[in-house]
Amino acid sequence: MKAFAKVISYIFQPLLMPTLVFYTLLFYLGNSTNLTDKGKWTVVSLVFFTTCLIPMVTVIMFRLTKVIKDLHMKDRKDRFIPFIFITIFYLAVALLIMDQEWMNPLMQLTFKSITAVVVMTNLITFRWKISAHAAGVAGWLGFAVACASKFPGTSELFVPILAAITLNGLVYWSRLYLNAHKPLEIWAAALLGFSVCYGSISYFL
């Protein structure tokens, strides 16, 4: 069970969530964009490269150079340098892509809400070990639920919502099973991620 919990934590890490959100937005939300399927995959790939792959490689480099003790970063102090880098990087990416022609208002708001969750989670981490994993998966769920409410005719969102609910349960369980977080750290992060993403789409779109 411990090995399974580690696999869940490693694969469904917070850095992967923006990719899942944009995949949901582009492929499951009808009329969300006029991009072709090739264009949609290009956007998803760009989001994965900039918000997941580059930060992930950087965190691995921090581990190899012993800046952090382990990739799980169980010690809150180990999170300071990686989280500062990730915060700055996400803000820079947001500034660079926000004015791109393919970024319609929905995608702009989506990326802003993702960046807001990242920044708030990272800032809280300096004082308290809130769960970035929980904030990430709950944010995906909040986004999917909000879009389903905002665009009620889009029945395709049933699958992403079901997947997000399942993944929320698995991620919460894995972080608790590995003693990476206390229950309050999980639930506080989940509330943060869900409320920011759900609220952004519901009230600002």
N, C-alpha and C. Protein backbone atom coordinates (compact mmCIF):
# COMPACT_ATOMS: atom_id res chain seq x y z
N MET A 1 0.82 -1.21 0.00
CA MET A 1 0.00 0.00 0.00
C MET A 1 0.85 1.27 0.00
N LYS A 2 1.98 1.18 0.70
CA LYS A 2 2.85 2.35 0.75
C LYS A 2 3.40 2.68 -0.63
N ALA A 3 3.76 1.65 -1.38
CA ALA A 3 4.27 1.87 -2.73
C ALA A 3 3.20 2.52 -3.61
N PHE A 4 1.96 2.06 -3.47
CA PHE A 4 0.85 2.63 -4.24
C PHE A 4 0.62 4.09 -3.87
N ALA A 5 0.70 4.39 -2.58
CA ALA A 5 0.53 5.77 -2.12
C ALA A 5 1.62 6.68 -2.69
N LYS A 6 2.84 6.16 -2.76
CA LYS A 6 3.94 6.94 -3.32
C LYS A 6 3.73 7.20 -4.81
N VAL A 7 3.25 6.19 -5.52
CA VAL A 7 2.98 6.34 -6.96
C VAL A 7 1.94 7.43 -7.19
N ILE A 8 0.88 7.42 -6.39
CA ILE A 8 -0.17 8.44 -6.50
C ILE A 8 0.41 9.82 -6.25
N SER A 9 1.22 9.95 -5.21
CA SER A 9 1.80 11.25 -4.86
C SER A 9 2.76 11.76 -5.92
N TYR A 10 3.55 10.86 -6.48
CA TYR A 10 4.53 11.27 -7.49
C TYR A 10 3.87 11.63 -8.82
N ILE A 11 2.91 10.82 -9.25
CA ILE A 11 2.30 11.06 -10.56
C ILE A 11 1.35 12.25 -10.53
N PHE A 12 0.44 12.25 -9.56
CA PHE A 12 -0.57 13.30 -9.51
C PHE A 12 -0.14 14.42 -8.58
N GLN A 13 1.01 14.97 -8.89
CA GLN A 13 1.56 16.06 -8.10
C GLN A 13 0.91 17.38 -8.50
N PRO A 14 1.06 18.42 -7.70
CA PRO A 14 0.42 19.71 -7.99
C PRO A 14 0.80 20.29 -9.35
N LEU A 15 2.02 20.06 -9.79
CA LEU A 15 2.48 20.65 -11.05
C LEU A 15 1.74 20.08 -12.27
N LEU A 16 1.12 18.92 -12.12
CA LEU A 16 0.39 18.32 -13.23
C LEU A 16 -1.01 18.91 -13.38
N MET A 17 -1.54 19.52 -12.33
CA MET A 17 -2.93 19.94 -12.33
C MET A 17 -3.27 20.99 -13.41
N PRO A 18 -2.42 22.00 -13.66
CA PRO A 18 -2.76 22.94 -14.75
C PRO A 18 -2.96 22.25 -16.09
N THR A 19 -2.18 21.21 -16.37
CA THR A 19 -2.33 20.46 -17.62
C THR A 19 -3.68 19.76 -17.66
N LEU A 20 -4.08 19.15 -16.55
CA LEU A 20 -5.37 18.47 -16.49
C LEU A 20 -6.52 19.48 -16.64
N VAL A 21 -6.35 20.65 -16.05
CA VAL A 21 -7.38 21.68 -16.14
C VAL A 21 -7.55 22.14 -17.59
N PHE A 22 -6.45 22.44 -18.27
CA PHE A 22 -6.54 22.90 -19.65
C PHE A 22 -6.99 21.79 -20.59
N TYR A 23 -6.61 20.56 -20.31
CA TYR A 23 -7.11 19.44 -21.10
C TYR A 23 -8.63 19.34 -20.98
N THR A 24 -9.12 19.48 -19.75
CA THR A 24 -10.57 19.46 -19.50
C THR A 24 -11.25 20.60 -20.23
N LEU A 25 -10.66 21.77 -20.12
CA LEU A 25 -11.24 22.97 -20.75
C LEU A 25 -11.34 22.83 -22.26
N LEU A 26 -10.28 22.36 -22.89
CA LEU A 26 -10.22 22.34 -24.35
C LEU A 26 -10.93 21.15 -24.98
N PHE A 27 -10.94 20.01 -24.29
CA PHE A 27 -11.48 18.80 -24.92
C PHE A 27 -12.83 18.34 -24.38
N TYR A 28 -13.27 18.88 -23.24
CA TYR A 28 -14.54 18.44 -22.67
C TYR A 28 -15.58 19.55 -22.56
N LEU A 29 -15.14 20.80 -22.69
CA LEU A 29 -16.08 21.92 -22.59
C LEU A 29 -16.41 22.41 -23.99
N GLY A 30 -17.63 22.15 -24.43
CA GLY A 30 -18.03 22.52 -25.78
C GLY A 30 -17.97 24.01 -26.04
N ASN A 31 -17.50 24.39 -27.20
CA ASN A 31 -17.43 25.78 -27.64
C ASN A 31 -16.55 26.66 -26.75
N SER A 32 -15.58 26.06 -26.08
CA SER A 32 -14.69 26.85 -25.22
C SER A 32 -13.64 27.60 -26.02
N THR A 33 -13.40 27.14 -27.26
CA THR A 33 -12.39 27.77 -28.10
C THR A 33 -12.64 27.38 -29.56
N ASN A 34 -12.10 28.17 -30.47
CA ASN A 34 -12.22 27.85 -31.90
C ASN A 34 -10.95 27.18 -32.43
N LEU A 35 -10.08 26.74 -31.54
CA LEU A 35 -8.86 26.05 -31.95
C LEU A 35 -9.18 24.69 -32.56
N THR A 36 -8.35 24.27 -33.50
CA THR A 36 -8.47 22.92 -34.04
C THR A 36 -7.93 21.94 -33.00
N ASP A 37 -8.16 20.65 -33.23
CA ASP A 37 -7.64 19.64 -32.31
C ASP A 37 -6.12 19.73 -32.19
N LYS A 38 -5.46 20.00 -33.31
CA LYS A 38 -4.00 20.15 -33.29
C LYS A 38 -3.61 21.36 -32.44
N GLY A 39 -4.36 22.45 -32.59
CA GLY A 39 -4.10 23.64 -31.79
C GLY A 39 -4.32 23.39 -30.31
N LYS A 40 -5.37 22.62 -30.00
CA LYS A 40 -5.66 22.30 -28.60
C LYS A 40 -4.52 21.50 -27.98
N TRP A 41 -4.02 20.50 -28.73
CA TRP A 41 -2.90 19.70 -28.22
C TRP A 41 -1.65 20.55 -28.06
N THR A 42 -1.48 21.53 -28.94
CA THR A 42 -0.33 22.43 -28.82
C THR A 42 -0.41 23.24 -27.53
N VAL A 43 -1.61 23.73 -27.21
CA VAL A 43 -1.80 24.50 -25.98
C VAL A 43 -1.57 23.63 -24.75
N VAL A 44 -2.16 22.43 -24.76
CA VAL A 44 -1.99 21.51 -23.63
C VAL A 44 -0.50 21.17 -23.44
N SER A 45 0.20 20.95 -24.54
CA SER A 45 1.63 20.64 -24.47
C SER A 45 2.42 21.81 -23.92
N LEU A 46 2.05 23.03 -24.36
CA LEU A 46 2.73 24.23 -23.87
C LEU A 46 2.51 24.40 -22.37
N VAL A 47 1.27 24.18 -21.91
CA VAL A 47 0.96 24.28 -20.49
C VAL A 47 1.75 23.24 -19.71
N PHE A 48 1.80 22.01 -20.22
CA PHE A 48 2.56 20.94 -19.55
C PHE A 48 4.03 21.28 -19.46
N PHE A 49 4.59 21.78 -20.55
CA PHE A 49 6.02 22.09 -20.59
C PHE A 49 6.38 23.22 -19.61
N THR A 50 5.56 24.27 -19.60
CA THR A 50 5.89 25.45 -18.80
C THR A 50 5.50 25.34 -17.33
N THR A 51 4.38 24.64 -17.04
CA THR A 51 3.91 24.61 -15.65
C THR A 51 4.20 23.31 -14.92
N CYS A 52 4.64 22.29 -15.67
CA CYS A 52 4.93 21.00 -15.04
C CYS A 52 6.36 20.55 -15.27
N LEU A 53 6.74 20.39 -16.54
CA LEU A 53 8.04 19.78 -16.85
C LEU A 53 9.21 20.62 -16.36
N ILE A 54 9.24 21.90 -16.71
CA ILE A 54 10.37 22.75 -16.29
C ILE A 54 10.47 22.85 -14.77
N PRO A 55 9.36 23.17 -14.05
CA PRO A 55 9.46 23.20 -12.59
C PRO A 55 9.85 21.86 -11.98
N MET A 56 9.34 20.75 -12.56
CA MET A 56 9.64 19.42 -12.04
C MET A 56 11.12 19.10 -12.19
N VAL A 57 11.68 19.40 -13.35
CA VAL A 57 13.11 19.17 -13.58
C VAL A 57 13.94 20.01 -12.61
N THR A 58 13.50 21.23 -12.37
CA THR A 58 14.21 22.11 -11.45
C THR A 58 14.20 21.55 -10.03
N VAL A 59 13.04 21.03 -9.59
CA VAL A 59 12.94 20.44 -8.25
C VAL A 59 13.86 19.22 -8.15
N ILE A 60 13.91 18.41 -9.21
CA ILE A 60 14.81 17.25 -9.23
C ILE A 60 16.27 17.70 -9.11
N MET A 61 16.60 18.79 -9.79
CA MET A 61 17.96 19.34 -9.69
C MET A 61 18.25 19.81 -8.27
N PHE A 62 17.25 20.41 -7.61
CA PHE A 62 17.41 20.81 -6.21
C PHE A 62 17.71 19.59 -5.34
N ARG A 63 17.08 18.46 -5.67
CA ARG A 63 17.32 17.24 -4.90
C ARG A 63 18.72 16.70 -5.17
N LEU A 64 19.13 16.67 -6.44
CA LEU A 64 20.44 16.14 -6.79
C LEU A 64 21.57 16.98 -6.22
N THR A 65 21.34 18.27 -6.10
CA THR A 65 22.36 19.17 -5.54
C THR A 65 22.20 19.33 -4.02
N LYS A 66 21.29 18.52 -3.44
CA LYS A 66 21.06 18.48 -1.99
C LYS A 66 20.55 19.79 -1.41
N VAL A 67 19.89 20.59 -2.25
CA VAL A 67 19.23 21.79 -1.74
C VAL A 67 18.03 21.36 -0.90
N ILE A 68 17.38 20.27 -1.32
CA ILE A 68 16.30 19.67 -0.54
C ILE A 68 16.66 18.23 -0.20
N LYS A 69 16.07 17.70 0.88
CA LYS A 69 16.43 16.37 1.35
C LYS A 69 15.78 15.26 0.53
N ASP A 70 14.53 15.47 0.14
CA ASP A 70 13.83 14.46 -0.66
C ASP A 70 12.75 15.14 -1.50
N LEU A 71 12.26 14.43 -2.51
CA LEU A 71 11.29 15.00 -3.43
C LEU A 71 9.93 15.22 -2.79
N HIS A 72 9.63 14.47 -1.73
CA HIS A 72 8.36 14.66 -1.03
C HIS A 72 8.35 15.96 -0.20
N MET A 73 9.55 16.44 0.14
CA MET A 73 9.69 17.67 0.92
C MET A 73 8.82 17.64 2.18
N LYS A 74 8.98 16.58 2.97
CA LYS A 74 8.19 16.44 4.20
C LYS A 74 8.52 17.54 5.20
N ASP A 75 9.80 17.94 5.22
CA ASP A 75 10.21 19.05 6.09
C ASP A 75 9.77 20.37 5.44
N ARG A 76 8.99 21.17 6.16
CA ARG A 76 8.47 22.42 5.61
C ARG A 76 9.60 23.34 5.13
N LYS A 77 10.75 23.30 5.79
CA LYS A 77 11.87 24.17 5.40
C LYS A 77 12.41 23.80 4.02
N ASP A 78 12.28 22.52 3.64
CA ASP A 78 12.75 22.08 2.33
C ASP A 78 11.92 22.70 1.20
N ARG A 79 10.74 23.17 1.53
CA ARG A 79 9.84 23.71 0.51
C ARG A 79 10.14 25.16 0.14
N PHE A 80 10.87 25.86 0.98
CA PHE A 80 11.05 27.30 0.78
C PHE A 80 11.63 27.65 -0.59
N ILE A 81 12.82 27.14 -0.89
CA ILE A 81 13.49 27.49 -2.14
C ILE A 81 12.72 26.98 -3.37
N PRO A 82 12.32 25.70 -3.41
CA PRO A 82 11.54 25.24 -4.58
C PRO A 82 10.24 26.02 -4.77
N PHE A 83 9.55 26.32 -3.68
CA PHE A 83 8.27 27.01 -3.80
C PHE A 83 8.44 28.46 -4.21
N ILE A 84 9.53 29.10 -3.78
CA ILE A 84 9.82 30.46 -4.23
C ILE A 84 10.06 30.46 -5.74
N PHE A 85 10.86 29.50 -6.20
CA PHE A 85 11.13 29.39 -7.64
C PHE A 85 9.84 29.15 -8.41
N ILE A 86 9.02 28.20 -7.95
CA ILE A 86 7.78 27.87 -8.66
C ILE A 86 6.84 29.07 -8.70
N THR A 87 6.75 29.82 -7.60
CA THR A 87 5.89 31.01 -7.56
C THR A 87 6.33 32.03 -8.59
N ILE A 88 7.61 32.34 -8.60
CA ILE A 88 8.14 33.32 -9.55
C ILE A 88 7.96 32.83 -10.99
N PHE A 89 8.20 31.54 -11.21
CA PHE A 89 8.10 30.98 -12.56
C PHE A 89 6.66 31.04 -13.07
N TYR A 90 5.69 30.67 -12.23
CA TYR A 90 4.29 30.71 -12.63
C TYR A 90 3.85 32.14 -12.96
N LEU A 91 4.28 33.10 -12.15
CA LEU A 91 3.93 34.49 -12.41
C LEU A 91 4.53 34.96 -13.74
N ALA A 92 5.76 34.54 -14.01
CA ALA A 92 6.41 34.92 -15.27
C ALA A 92 5.69 34.31 -16.47
N VAL A 93 5.33 33.03 -16.36
CA VAL A 93 4.61 32.37 -17.44
C VAL A 93 3.27 33.04 -17.68
N ALA A 94 2.58 33.39 -16.60
CA ALA A 94 1.28 34.06 -16.73
C ALA A 94 1.41 35.37 -17.50
N LEU A 95 2.45 36.14 -17.21
CA LEU A 95 2.67 37.41 -17.90
C LEU A 95 2.99 37.19 -19.38
N LEU A 96 3.71 36.13 -19.67
CA LEU A 96 4.14 35.88 -21.05
C LEU A 96 3.02 35.38 -21.96
N ILE A 97 2.12 34.55 -21.42
CA ILE A 97 1.12 33.94 -22.30
C ILE A 97 -0.25 34.61 -22.23
N MET A 98 -0.44 35.50 -21.27
CA MET A 98 -1.78 36.06 -21.07
C MET A 98 -2.29 36.84 -22.28
N ASP A 99 -1.41 37.46 -23.02
CA ASP A 99 -1.83 38.28 -24.16
C ASP A 99 -1.76 37.55 -25.50
N GLN A 100 -1.52 36.24 -25.46
CA GLN A 100 -1.48 35.48 -26.70
C GLN A 100 -2.87 35.45 -27.35
N GLU A 101 -2.91 35.41 -28.68
CA GLU A 101 -4.17 35.46 -29.41
C GLU A 101 -5.10 34.30 -29.05
N TRP A 102 -4.54 33.13 -28.80
CA TRP A 102 -5.37 31.96 -28.52
C TRP A 102 -5.91 31.94 -27.09
N MET A 103 -5.44 32.86 -26.26
CA MET A 103 -5.92 32.91 -24.87
C MET A 103 -7.20 33.73 -24.80
N ASN A 104 -8.35 33.06 -24.89
CA ASN A 104 -9.62 33.75 -24.77
C ASN A 104 -9.91 34.07 -23.30
N PRO A 105 -10.96 34.84 -23.01
CA PRO A 105 -11.24 35.22 -21.61
C PRO A 105 -11.35 34.04 -20.64
N LEU A 106 -11.96 32.93 -21.08
CA LEU A 106 -12.09 31.76 -20.21
C LEU A 106 -10.73 31.18 -19.86
N MET A 107 -9.86 31.05 -20.86
CA MET A 107 -8.52 30.50 -20.62
C MET A 107 -7.68 31.45 -19.76
N GLN A 108 -7.83 32.76 -19.99
CA GLN A 108 -7.13 33.74 -19.18
C GLN A 108 -7.54 33.64 -17.72
N LEU A 109 -8.84 33.58 -17.49
CA LEU A 109 -9.35 33.48 -16.12
C LEU A 109 -8.90 32.17 -15.47
N THR A 110 -8.90 31.10 -16.25
CA THR A 110 -8.46 29.80 -15.75
C THR A 110 -7.01 29.85 -15.30
N PHE A 111 -6.14 30.42 -16.14
CA PHE A 111 -4.73 30.46 -15.78
C PHE A 111 -4.49 31.40 -14.60
N LYS A 112 -5.24 32.49 -14.54
CA LYS A 112 -5.12 33.42 -13.40
C LYS A 112 -5.51 32.72 -12.09
N SER A 113 -6.59 31.93 -12.13
CA SER A 113 -7.03 31.25 -10.92
C SER A 113 -6.02 30.18 -10.50
N ILE A 114 -5.45 29.48 -11.48
CA ILE A 114 -4.41 28.49 -11.17
C ILE A 114 -3.21 29.16 -10.52
N THR A 115 -2.78 30.27 -11.10
CA THR A 115 -1.64 31.00 -10.56
C THR A 115 -1.93 31.51 -9.16
N ALA A 116 -3.18 31.96 -8.93
CA ALA A 116 -3.57 32.45 -7.60
C ALA A 116 -3.47 31.34 -6.56
N VAL A 117 -3.92 30.13 -6.92
CA VAL A 117 -3.84 29.00 -5.99
C VAL A 117 -2.38 28.67 -5.68
N VAL A 118 -1.54 28.67 -6.72
CA VAL A 118 -0.12 28.38 -6.53
C VAL A 118 0.54 29.40 -5.60
N VAL A 119 0.30 30.68 -5.87
CA VAL A 119 0.91 31.74 -5.07
C VAL A 119 0.43 31.68 -3.62
N MET A 120 -0.88 31.54 -3.41
CA MET A 120 -1.41 31.51 -2.05
C MET A 120 -0.93 30.29 -1.27
N THR A 121 -0.92 29.13 -1.94
CA THR A 121 -0.44 27.91 -1.29
C THR A 121 1.03 28.05 -0.89
N ASN A 122 1.83 28.59 -1.80
CA ASN A 122 3.25 28.74 -1.52
C ASN A 122 3.51 29.76 -0.42
N LEU A 123 2.74 30.83 -0.39
CA LEU A 123 2.90 31.83 0.67
C LEU A 123 2.52 31.26 2.03
N ILE A 124 1.44 30.49 2.07
CA ILE A 124 1.01 29.86 3.33
C ILE A 124 2.07 28.89 3.83
N THR A 125 2.74 28.22 2.89
CA THR A 125 3.76 27.23 3.25
C THR A 125 4.88 27.83 4.10
N PHE A 126 5.15 29.10 3.93
CA PHE A 126 6.20 29.74 4.72
C PHE A 126 5.86 29.77 6.21
N ARG A 127 4.57 29.66 6.52
CA ARG A 127 4.14 29.68 7.92
C ARG A 127 3.55 28.36 8.39
N TRP A 128 3.01 27.59 7.42
CA TRP A 128 2.27 26.38 7.78
C TRP A 128 2.35 25.40 6.63
N LYS A 129 2.50 24.12 6.93
CA LYS A 129 2.71 23.10 5.89
C LYS A 129 1.39 22.66 5.25
N ILE A 130 0.76 23.56 4.52
CA ILE A 130 -0.47 23.23 3.82
C ILE A 130 -0.16 22.30 2.66
N SER A 131 -1.13 21.48 2.26
CA SER A 131 -0.89 20.48 1.21
C SER A 131 -1.07 21.05 -0.19
N ALA A 132 0.03 21.16 -0.93
CA ALA A 132 -0.05 21.62 -2.31
C ALA A 132 -0.76 20.58 -3.18
N HIS A 133 -0.59 19.29 -2.85
CA HIS A 133 -1.27 18.23 -3.59
C HIS A 133 -2.79 18.41 -3.51
N ALA A 134 -3.28 18.61 -2.29
CA ALA A 134 -4.73 18.74 -2.10
C ALA A 134 -5.26 20.00 -2.77
N ALA A 135 -4.52 21.09 -2.67
CA ALA A 135 -4.96 22.34 -3.31
C ALA A 135 -5.06 22.16 -4.82
N GLY A 136 -4.12 21.42 -5.40
CA GLY A 136 -4.10 21.21 -6.84
C GLY A 136 -5.28 20.39 -7.34
N VAL A 137 -5.51 19.22 -6.73
CA VAL A 137 -6.60 18.36 -7.22
C VAL A 137 -7.96 18.96 -6.91
N ALA A 138 -8.08 19.64 -5.77
CA ALA A 138 -9.35 20.29 -5.44
C ALA A 138 -9.63 21.45 -6.39
N GLY A 139 -8.56 22.12 -6.84
CA GLY A 139 -8.72 23.19 -7.81
C GLY A 139 -9.25 22.66 -9.13
N TRP A 140 -8.75 21.51 -9.57
CA TRP A 140 -9.27 20.88 -10.80
C TRP A 140 -10.76 20.56 -10.65
N LEU A 141 -11.13 20.00 -9.50
CA LEU A 141 -12.53 19.68 -9.26
C LEU A 141 -13.39 20.95 -9.23
N GLY A 142 -12.91 21.99 -8.56
CA GLY A 142 -13.65 23.24 -8.50
C GLY A 142 -13.86 23.85 -9.87
N PHE A 143 -12.84 23.78 -10.69
CA PHE A 143 -12.94 24.29 -12.05
C PHE A 143 -13.99 23.51 -12.85
N ALA A 144 -13.94 22.18 -12.79
CA ALA A 144 -14.86 21.34 -13.56
C ALA A 144 -16.31 21.55 -13.11
N VAL A 145 -16.53 21.61 -11.80
CA VAL A 145 -17.89 21.80 -11.27
C VAL A 145 -18.43 23.17 -11.66
N ALA A 146 -17.58 24.19 -11.58
CA ALA A 146 -18.00 25.55 -11.94
C ALA A 146 -18.38 25.64 -13.41
N CYS A 147 -17.59 25.02 -14.28
CA CYS A 147 -17.88 25.04 -15.71
C CYS A 147 -19.16 24.28 -16.02
N ALA A 148 -19.41 23.18 -15.29
CA ALA A 148 -20.64 22.42 -15.49
C ALA A 148 -21.86 23.26 -15.11
N SER A 149 -21.71 24.08 -14.06
CA SER A 149 -22.80 24.94 -13.62
C SER A 149 -22.98 26.13 -14.56
N LYS A 150 -21.84 26.64 -15.05
CA LYS A 150 -21.88 27.81 -15.92
C LYS A 150 -22.39 27.47 -17.31
N PHE A 151 -22.04 26.28 -17.77
CA PHE A 151 -22.45 25.83 -19.10
C PHE A 151 -23.22 24.51 -18.96
N PRO A 152 -24.48 24.57 -18.49
CA PRO A 152 -25.24 23.36 -18.15
C PRO A 152 -25.48 22.41 -19.31
N GLY A 153 -25.37 22.88 -20.56
CA GLY A 153 -25.60 22.00 -21.69
C GLY A 153 -24.41 21.15 -22.05
N THR A 154 -23.29 21.32 -21.32
CA THR A 154 -22.06 20.59 -21.64
C THR A 154 -21.97 19.32 -20.80
N SER A 155 -22.65 18.28 -21.24
CA SER A 155 -22.71 17.03 -20.47
C SER A 155 -21.39 16.28 -20.47
N GLU A 156 -20.46 16.65 -21.35
CA GLU A 156 -19.17 15.95 -21.43
C GLU A 156 -18.35 16.11 -20.16
N LEU A 157 -18.69 17.08 -19.32
CA LEU A 157 -17.91 17.33 -18.11
C LEU A 157 -18.17 16.29 -17.03
N PHE A 158 -19.12 15.40 -17.24
CA PHE A 158 -19.38 14.35 -16.24
C PHE A 158 -18.14 13.50 -16.00
N VAL A 159 -17.45 13.12 -17.06
CA VAL A 159 -16.27 12.27 -16.93
C VAL A 159 -15.14 12.97 -16.17
N PRO A 160 -14.77 14.23 -16.54
CA PRO A 160 -13.74 14.92 -15.77
C PRO A 160 -14.12 15.11 -14.30
N ILE A 161 -15.39 15.41 -14.03
CA ILE A 161 -15.81 15.60 -12.64
C ILE A 161 -15.67 14.30 -11.86
N LEU A 162 -16.11 13.19 -12.44
CA LEU A 162 -15.97 11.89 -11.79
C LEU A 162 -14.51 11.55 -11.56
N ALA A 163 -13.67 11.82 -12.57
CA ALA A 163 -12.23 11.55 -12.43
C ALA A 163 -11.62 12.43 -11.36
N ALA A 164 -12.03 13.69 -11.30
CA ALA A 164 -11.49 14.62 -10.30
C ALA A 164 -11.89 14.21 -8.89
N ILE A 165 -13.15 13.80 -8.71
CA ILE A 165 -13.60 13.34 -7.38
C ILE A 165 -12.79 12.13 -6.94
N THR A 166 -12.62 11.17 -7.85
CA THR A 166 -11.84 9.97 -7.53
C THR A 166 -10.41 10.31 -7.18
N LEU A 167 -9.81 11.19 -7.97
CA LEU A 167 -8.42 11.56 -7.74
C LEU A 167 -8.26 12.34 -6.45
N ASN A 168 -9.25 13.18 -6.11
CA ASN A 168 -9.19 13.89 -4.83
C ASN A 168 -9.10 12.90 -3.68
N GLY A 169 -9.95 11.88 -3.71
CA GLY A 169 -9.93 10.88 -2.65
C GLY A 169 -8.60 10.14 -2.57
N LEU A 170 -8.08 9.76 -3.72
CA LEU A 170 -6.81 9.03 -3.75
C LEU A 170 -5.64 9.87 -3.27
N VAL A 171 -5.61 11.13 -3.69
CA VAL A 171 -4.50 12.01 -3.30
C VAL A 171 -4.56 12.32 -1.81
N TYR A 172 -5.75 12.63 -1.29
CA TYR A 172 -5.88 12.90 0.15
C TYR A 172 -5.41 11.69 0.95
N TRP A 173 -5.89 10.51 0.52
CA TRP A 173 -5.52 9.29 1.23
C TRP A 173 -4.02 9.06 1.18
N SER A 174 -3.40 9.24 0.02
CA SER A 174 -1.96 8.97 -0.12
C SER A 174 -1.13 9.90 0.74
N ARG A 175 -1.51 11.17 0.80
CA ARG A 175 -0.73 12.13 1.59
C ARG A 175 -0.86 11.84 3.09
N LEU A 176 -2.05 11.41 3.51
CA LEU A 176 -2.25 11.05 4.91
C LEU A 176 -1.56 9.72 5.24
N TYR A 177 -1.66 8.76 4.33
CA TYR A 177 -1.05 7.45 4.55
C TYR A 177 0.46 7.56 4.67
N LEU A 178 1.05 8.45 3.90
CA LEU A 178 2.51 8.64 3.92
C LEU A 178 2.95 9.57 5.05
N ASN A 179 2.00 10.01 5.87
CA ASN A 179 2.29 10.94 6.97
C ASN A 179 2.94 12.24 6.47
N ALA A 180 2.59 12.62 5.24
CA ALA A 180 3.14 13.85 4.68
C ALA A 180 2.39 15.07 5.21
N HIS A 181 1.13 14.86 5.63
CA HIS A 181 0.32 15.96 6.13
C HIS A 181 -0.63 15.48 7.20
N LYS A 182 -1.10 16.43 7.99
CA LYS A 182 -2.16 16.18 8.95
C LYS A 182 -3.50 16.47 8.26
N PRO A 183 -4.59 15.90 8.79
CA PRO A 183 -5.90 16.11 8.15
C PRO A 183 -6.26 17.58 7.93
N LEU A 184 -5.97 18.43 8.90
CA LEU A 184 -6.32 19.85 8.77
C LEU A 184 -5.56 20.49 7.61
N GLU A 185 -4.32 20.09 7.40
CA GLU A 185 -3.52 20.63 6.29
C GLU A 185 -4.10 20.22 4.94
N ILE A 186 -4.68 19.02 4.90
CA ILE A 186 -5.32 18.53 3.68
C ILE A 186 -6.60 19.30 3.40
N TRP A 187 -7.47 19.38 4.41
CA TRP A 187 -8.78 20.00 4.21
C TRP A 187 -8.69 21.50 3.97
N ALA A 188 -7.75 22.16 4.62
CA ALA A 188 -7.56 23.60 4.40
C ALA A 188 -7.10 23.86 2.97
N ALA A 189 -6.19 23.03 2.48
CA ALA A 189 -5.71 23.17 1.11
C ALA A 189 -6.81 22.87 0.10
N ALA A 190 -7.60 21.84 0.38
CA ALA A 190 -8.70 21.48 -0.52
C ALA A 190 -9.71 22.62 -0.61
N LEU A 191 -10.01 23.23 0.53
CA LEU A 191 -10.94 24.36 0.55
C LEU A 191 -10.38 25.54 -0.24
N LEU A 192 -9.10 25.78 -0.09
CA LEU A 192 -8.45 26.87 -0.81
C LEU A 192 -8.51 26.63 -2.31
N GLY A 193 -8.06 25.47 -2.76
CA GLY A 193 -8.03 25.18 -4.19
C GLY A 193 -9.40 25.18 -4.82
N PHE A 194 -10.36 24.53 -4.17
CA PHE A 194 -11.71 24.45 -4.72
C PHE A 194 -12.38 25.82 -4.77
N SER A 195 -12.31 26.57 -3.68
CA SER A 195 -13.01 27.86 -3.60
C SER A 195 -12.46 28.88 -4.58
N VAL A 196 -11.13 28.93 -4.75
CA VAL A 196 -10.54 29.89 -5.68
C VAL A 196 -10.93 29.57 -7.11
N CYS A 197 -10.80 28.31 -7.52
CA CYS A 197 -11.10 27.92 -8.89
C CYS A 197 -12.60 27.97 -9.19
N TYR A 198 -13.40 27.46 -8.27
CA TYR A 198 -14.84 27.50 -8.46
C TYR A 198 -15.35 28.95 -8.46
N GLY A 199 -14.86 29.73 -7.49
CA GLY A 199 -15.30 31.12 -7.39
C GLY A 199 -14.88 31.96 -8.57
N SER A 200 -13.69 31.73 -9.10
CA SER A 200 -13.20 32.51 -10.25
C SER A 200 -14.09 32.32 -11.46
N ILE A 201 -14.42 31.06 -11.76
CA ILE A 201 -15.24 30.78 -12.94
C ILE A 201 -16.69 31.23 -12.70
N SER A 202 -17.21 31.00 -11.51
CA SER A 202 -18.61 31.30 -11.21
C SER A 202 -18.91 32.79 -11.16
N TYR A 203 -17.98 33.57 -10.62
CA TYR A 203 -18.29 34.98 -10.35
C TYR A 203 -17.60 35.97 -11.29
N PHE A 204 -16.57 35.56 -11.99
CA PHE A 204 -15.83 36.51 -12.83
C PHE A 204 -15.96 36.25 -14.32
N LEU A 205 -16.59 35.14 -14.69
CA LEU A 205 -16.72 34.83 -16.11
C LEU A 205 -18.03 35.39 -16.65
